[in-house]
Amino acid sequence: MVQAGSTIRRSDGVVEAQFDDVRVVLNEDLAYLGLNDVGQRIWDLLESPRTVADLVAVLVEEYDVSETECVSDVSRYVDALAEHKLVRLS
């Protein structure tokens, strides 16, 4: 499980493609996720390594969401990315 201070980095070899309103990211093992608008924004923010706290700070400013809800949602989302080996945590 991701911690607020964990650094999140995109995994090497991840490929992405845009299909209409959905972006798909695919790792070397062919595990993939389809990203909605917020997922795409998080993926874009992860172009550079960031912490959950960094992501939450940006998203709270850009979306109508409380910090508590955002931390919970971002943590679950990053866990899913890590489970699919699309990001690495340190």
N, C-alpha and C. Protein backbone atom coordinates (compact mmCIF):
# COMPACT_ATOMS: atom_id res chain seq x y z
N MET A 1 0.84 -1.19 0.00
CA MET A 1 0.00 0.00 0.00
C MET A 1 0.89 1.25 0.00
N VAL A 2 0.51 2.19 -0.81
CA VAL A 2 1.28 3.43 -0.93
C VAL A 2 1.11 4.28 0.33
N GLN A 3 2.19 4.95 0.70
CA GLN A 3 2.19 5.88 1.83
C GLN A 3 2.27 7.30 1.27
N ALA A 4 1.81 8.27 2.03
CA ALA A 4 1.78 9.66 1.58
C ALA A 4 3.16 10.16 1.14
N GLY A 5 4.22 9.68 1.79
CA GLY A 5 5.56 10.13 1.46
C GLY A 5 6.27 9.28 0.42
N SER A 6 5.63 8.21 -0.05
CA SER A 6 6.24 7.35 -1.07
C SER A 6 6.42 8.13 -2.36
N THR A 7 7.55 7.91 -3.01
CA THR A 7 7.78 8.51 -4.32
C THR A 7 7.26 7.55 -5.37
N ILE A 8 6.49 8.08 -6.30
CA ILE A 8 5.87 7.29 -7.36
C ILE A 8 6.56 7.64 -8.66
N ARG A 9 7.01 6.60 -9.37
CA ARG A 9 7.66 6.78 -10.67
C ARG A 9 6.98 5.88 -11.68
N ARG A 10 6.83 6.38 -12.90
CA ARG A 10 6.35 5.51 -13.97
C ARG A 10 7.35 4.38 -14.17
N SER A 11 6.86 3.19 -14.45
CA SER A 11 7.74 2.06 -14.74
C SER A 11 8.33 2.23 -16.13
N ASP A 12 9.52 1.67 -16.32
CA ASP A 12 10.15 1.69 -17.64
C ASP A 12 9.36 0.82 -18.59
N GLY A 13 9.34 1.18 -19.85
CA GLY A 13 8.72 0.36 -20.87
C GLY A 13 7.21 0.47 -20.97
N VAL A 14 6.61 1.41 -20.26
CA VAL A 14 5.15 1.58 -20.34
C VAL A 14 4.81 2.31 -21.64
N VAL A 15 3.81 1.78 -22.33
CA VAL A 15 3.34 2.36 -23.58
C VAL A 15 1.94 2.92 -23.33
N GLU A 16 1.64 4.03 -23.95
CA GLU A 16 0.30 4.60 -23.79
C GLU A 16 -0.27 4.96 -25.15
N ALA A 17 -1.61 4.91 -25.22
CA ALA A 17 -2.31 5.26 -26.46
C ALA A 17 -3.64 5.90 -26.08
N GLN A 18 -4.07 6.85 -26.90
CA GLN A 18 -5.33 7.54 -26.68
C GLN A 18 -6.38 6.98 -27.63
N PHE A 19 -7.54 6.60 -27.08
CA PHE A 19 -8.68 6.12 -27.86
C PHE A 19 -9.89 6.95 -27.44
N ASP A 20 -10.31 7.86 -28.29
CA ASP A 20 -11.41 8.77 -27.98
C ASP A 20 -11.11 9.46 -26.65
N ASP A 21 -11.94 9.24 -25.61
CA ASP A 21 -11.77 9.92 -24.32
C ASP A 21 -10.98 9.10 -23.31
N VAL A 22 -10.49 7.94 -23.71
CA VAL A 22 -9.80 7.05 -22.78
C VAL A 22 -8.35 6.87 -23.22
N ARG A 23 -7.46 7.04 -22.26
CA ARG A 23 -6.05 6.73 -22.50
C ARG A 23 -5.79 5.36 -21.90
N VAL A 24 -5.08 4.52 -22.63
CA VAL A 24 -4.72 3.19 -22.15
C VAL A 24 -3.22 3.16 -21.94
N VAL A 25 -2.80 2.64 -20.77
CA VAL A 25 -1.38 2.46 -20.49
C VAL A 25 -1.13 0.96 -20.34
N LEU A 26 -0.03 0.49 -20.94
CA LEU A 26 0.28 -0.93 -21.05
C LEU A 26 1.72 -1.16 -20.64
N ASN A 27 1.96 -2.15 -19.76
CA ASN A 27 3.34 -2.43 -19.36
C ASN A 27 3.92 -3.55 -20.20
N GLU A 28 5.18 -3.90 -19.94
CA GLU A 28 5.87 -4.93 -20.73
C GLU A 28 5.24 -6.30 -20.59
N ASP A 29 4.53 -6.55 -19.49
CA ASP A 29 3.84 -7.83 -19.28
C ASP A 29 2.44 -7.83 -19.87
N LEU A 30 2.10 -6.78 -20.60
CA LEU A 30 0.79 -6.59 -21.23
C LEU A 30 -0.34 -6.35 -20.24
N ALA A 31 0.00 -5.96 -19.01
CA ALA A 31 -1.02 -5.52 -18.06
C ALA A 31 -1.36 -4.08 -18.43
N TYR A 32 -2.64 -3.76 -18.40
CA TYR A 32 -3.02 -2.42 -18.83
C TYR A 32 -4.18 -1.88 -17.99
N LEU A 33 -4.33 -0.58 -18.07
CA LEU A 33 -5.45 0.11 -17.45
C LEU A 33 -5.95 1.17 -18.43
N GLY A 34 -7.26 1.37 -18.44
CA GLY A 34 -7.84 2.49 -19.16
C GLY A 34 -8.01 3.63 -18.17
N LEU A 35 -7.58 4.81 -18.54
CA LEU A 35 -7.60 5.95 -17.63
C LEU A 35 -8.70 6.93 -18.00
N ASN A 36 -9.50 7.31 -17.01
CA ASN A 36 -10.51 8.35 -17.22
C ASN A 36 -9.82 9.71 -17.14
N ASP A 37 -10.60 10.78 -17.12
CA ASP A 37 -10.01 12.13 -17.12
C ASP A 37 -9.08 12.37 -15.94
N VAL A 38 -9.52 12.02 -14.74
CA VAL A 38 -8.67 12.24 -13.55
C VAL A 38 -7.47 11.30 -13.59
N GLY A 39 -7.69 10.07 -14.01
CA GLY A 39 -6.57 9.12 -14.14
C GLY A 39 -5.54 9.61 -15.14
N GLN A 40 -6.02 10.21 -16.22
CA GLN A 40 -5.09 10.77 -17.20
C GLN A 40 -4.30 11.93 -16.60
N ARG A 41 -4.97 12.75 -15.81
CA ARG A 41 -4.28 13.89 -15.17
C ARG A 41 -3.20 13.39 -14.22
N ILE A 42 -3.53 12.36 -13.43
CA ILE A 42 -2.54 11.79 -12.52
C ILE A 42 -1.38 11.22 -13.32
N TRP A 43 -1.67 10.49 -14.39
CA TRP A 43 -0.62 9.91 -15.22
C TRP A 43 0.28 11.01 -15.79
N ASP A 44 -0.33 12.09 -16.26
CA ASP A 44 0.46 13.22 -16.78
C ASP A 44 1.35 13.81 -15.69
N LEU A 45 0.80 13.96 -14.48
CA LEU A 45 1.60 14.50 -13.38
C LEU A 45 2.77 13.58 -13.03
N LEU A 46 2.62 12.28 -13.29
CA LEU A 46 3.69 11.33 -12.98
C LEU A 46 4.77 11.28 -14.06
N GLU A 47 4.72 12.22 -15.00
CA GLU A 47 5.80 12.30 -15.97
C GLU A 47 7.13 12.52 -15.23
N SER A 48 7.05 13.20 -14.09
CA SER A 48 8.18 13.33 -13.17
C SER A 48 7.78 12.63 -11.87
N PRO A 49 8.74 12.01 -11.19
CA PRO A 49 8.40 11.34 -9.92
C PRO A 49 7.76 12.31 -8.93
N ARG A 50 6.74 11.83 -8.23
CA ARG A 50 6.02 12.64 -7.26
C ARG A 50 5.57 11.78 -6.09
N THR A 51 5.23 12.44 -5.00
CA THR A 51 4.63 11.75 -3.85
C THR A 51 3.11 11.87 -3.94
N VAL A 52 2.42 11.06 -3.15
CA VAL A 52 0.96 11.18 -3.06
C VAL A 52 0.61 12.60 -2.62
N ALA A 53 1.34 13.12 -1.64
CA ALA A 53 1.07 14.47 -1.16
C ALA A 53 1.19 15.49 -2.29
N ASP A 54 2.17 15.34 -3.17
CA ASP A 54 2.33 16.24 -4.32
C ASP A 54 1.11 16.15 -5.24
N LEU A 55 0.70 14.91 -5.54
CA LEU A 55 -0.46 14.71 -6.41
C LEU A 55 -1.71 15.33 -5.81
N VAL A 56 -1.92 15.07 -4.52
CA VAL A 56 -3.12 15.57 -3.84
C VAL A 56 -3.14 17.10 -3.86
N ALA A 57 -2.01 17.73 -3.63
CA ALA A 57 -1.96 19.21 -3.62
C ALA A 57 -2.42 19.77 -4.96
N VAL A 58 -2.00 19.16 -6.05
CA VAL A 58 -2.40 19.64 -7.38
C VAL A 58 -3.88 19.36 -7.62
N LEU A 59 -4.31 18.14 -7.32
CA LEU A 59 -5.69 17.74 -7.63
C LEU A 59 -6.73 18.49 -6.81
N VAL A 60 -6.42 18.79 -5.56
CA VAL A 60 -7.35 19.55 -4.72
C VAL A 60 -7.55 20.95 -5.30
N GLU A 61 -6.50 21.51 -5.88
CA GLU A 61 -6.61 22.83 -6.51
C GLU A 61 -7.42 22.77 -7.81
N GLU A 62 -7.32 21.67 -8.54
CA GLU A 62 -7.93 21.58 -9.87
C GLU A 62 -9.36 21.00 -9.87
N TYR A 63 -9.70 20.22 -8.86
CA TYR A 63 -11.00 19.55 -8.82
C TYR A 63 -11.75 19.90 -7.54
N ASP A 64 -13.05 19.74 -7.58
CA ASP A 64 -13.89 20.00 -6.42
C ASP A 64 -13.90 18.75 -5.54
N VAL A 65 -12.86 18.59 -4.72
CA VAL A 65 -12.71 17.41 -3.88
C VAL A 65 -12.03 17.83 -2.58
N SER A 66 -12.43 17.19 -1.48
CA SER A 66 -11.76 17.48 -0.21
C SER A 66 -10.40 16.80 -0.18
N GLU A 67 -9.52 17.32 0.64
CA GLU A 67 -8.19 16.72 0.74
C GLU A 67 -8.27 15.29 1.25
N THR A 68 -9.13 15.03 2.23
CA THR A 68 -9.27 13.69 2.80
C THR A 68 -9.73 12.70 1.74
N GLU A 69 -10.75 13.07 0.99
CA GLU A 69 -11.26 12.19 -0.07
C GLU A 69 -10.21 11.99 -1.16
N CYS A 70 -9.50 13.06 -1.50
CA CYS A 70 -8.49 12.99 -2.54
C CYS A 70 -7.35 12.07 -2.14
N VAL A 71 -6.89 12.15 -0.89
CA VAL A 71 -5.81 11.26 -0.42
C VAL A 71 -6.24 9.82 -0.56
N SER A 72 -7.46 9.51 -0.13
CA SER A 72 -7.98 8.15 -0.21
C SER A 72 -8.06 7.67 -1.65
N ASP A 73 -8.64 8.48 -2.52
CA ASP A 73 -8.81 8.11 -3.92
C ASP A 73 -7.47 7.96 -4.64
N VAL A 74 -6.57 8.90 -4.43
CA VAL A 74 -5.26 8.84 -5.09
C VAL A 74 -4.47 7.63 -4.59
N SER A 75 -4.54 7.35 -3.32
CA SER A 75 -3.83 6.18 -2.78
C SER A 75 -4.33 4.89 -3.41
N ARG A 76 -5.65 4.75 -3.51
CA ARG A 76 -6.22 3.55 -4.15
C ARG A 76 -5.82 3.46 -5.62
N TYR A 77 -5.84 4.59 -6.29
CA TYR A 77 -5.49 4.62 -7.70
C TYR A 77 -4.02 4.26 -7.92
N VAL A 78 -3.14 4.83 -7.12
CA VAL A 78 -1.71 4.53 -7.24
C VAL A 78 -1.45 3.06 -6.90
N ASP A 79 -2.16 2.52 -5.92
CA ASP A 79 -2.05 1.09 -5.62
C ASP A 79 -2.42 0.25 -6.84
N ALA A 80 -3.48 0.65 -7.56
CA ALA A 80 -3.88 -0.09 -8.77
C ALA A 80 -2.82 0.02 -9.85
N LEU A 81 -2.25 1.21 -10.02
CA LEU A 81 -1.16 1.37 -10.99
C LEU A 81 0.03 0.48 -10.63
N ALA A 82 0.36 0.44 -9.34
CA ALA A 82 1.49 -0.39 -8.89
C ALA A 82 1.18 -1.87 -9.07
N GLU A 83 -0.06 -2.28 -8.78
CA GLU A 83 -0.46 -3.68 -8.94
C GLU A 83 -0.30 -4.13 -10.39
N HIS A 84 -0.56 -3.22 -11.32
CA HIS A 84 -0.42 -3.52 -12.75
C HIS A 84 1.01 -3.24 -13.26
N LYS A 85 1.91 -2.95 -12.33
CA LYS A 85 3.32 -2.69 -12.64
C LYS A 85 3.51 -1.53 -13.63
N LEU A 86 2.62 -0.55 -13.51
CA LEU A 86 2.73 0.63 -14.33
C LEU A 86 3.53 1.74 -13.66
N VAL A 87 3.63 1.66 -12.33
CA VAL A 87 4.46 2.58 -11.56
C VAL A 87 5.27 1.79 -10.54
N ARG A 88 6.33 2.44 -10.08
CA ARG A 88 7.16 1.89 -8.99
C ARG A 88 7.08 2.83 -7.81
N LEU A 89 7.06 2.28 -6.62
CA LEU A 89 7.01 3.08 -5.39
C LEU A 89 8.33 2.94 -4.64
N SER A 90 8.76 4.06 -4.06
CA SER A 90 9.97 4.00 -3.21
C SER A 90 9.81 4.95 -2.05
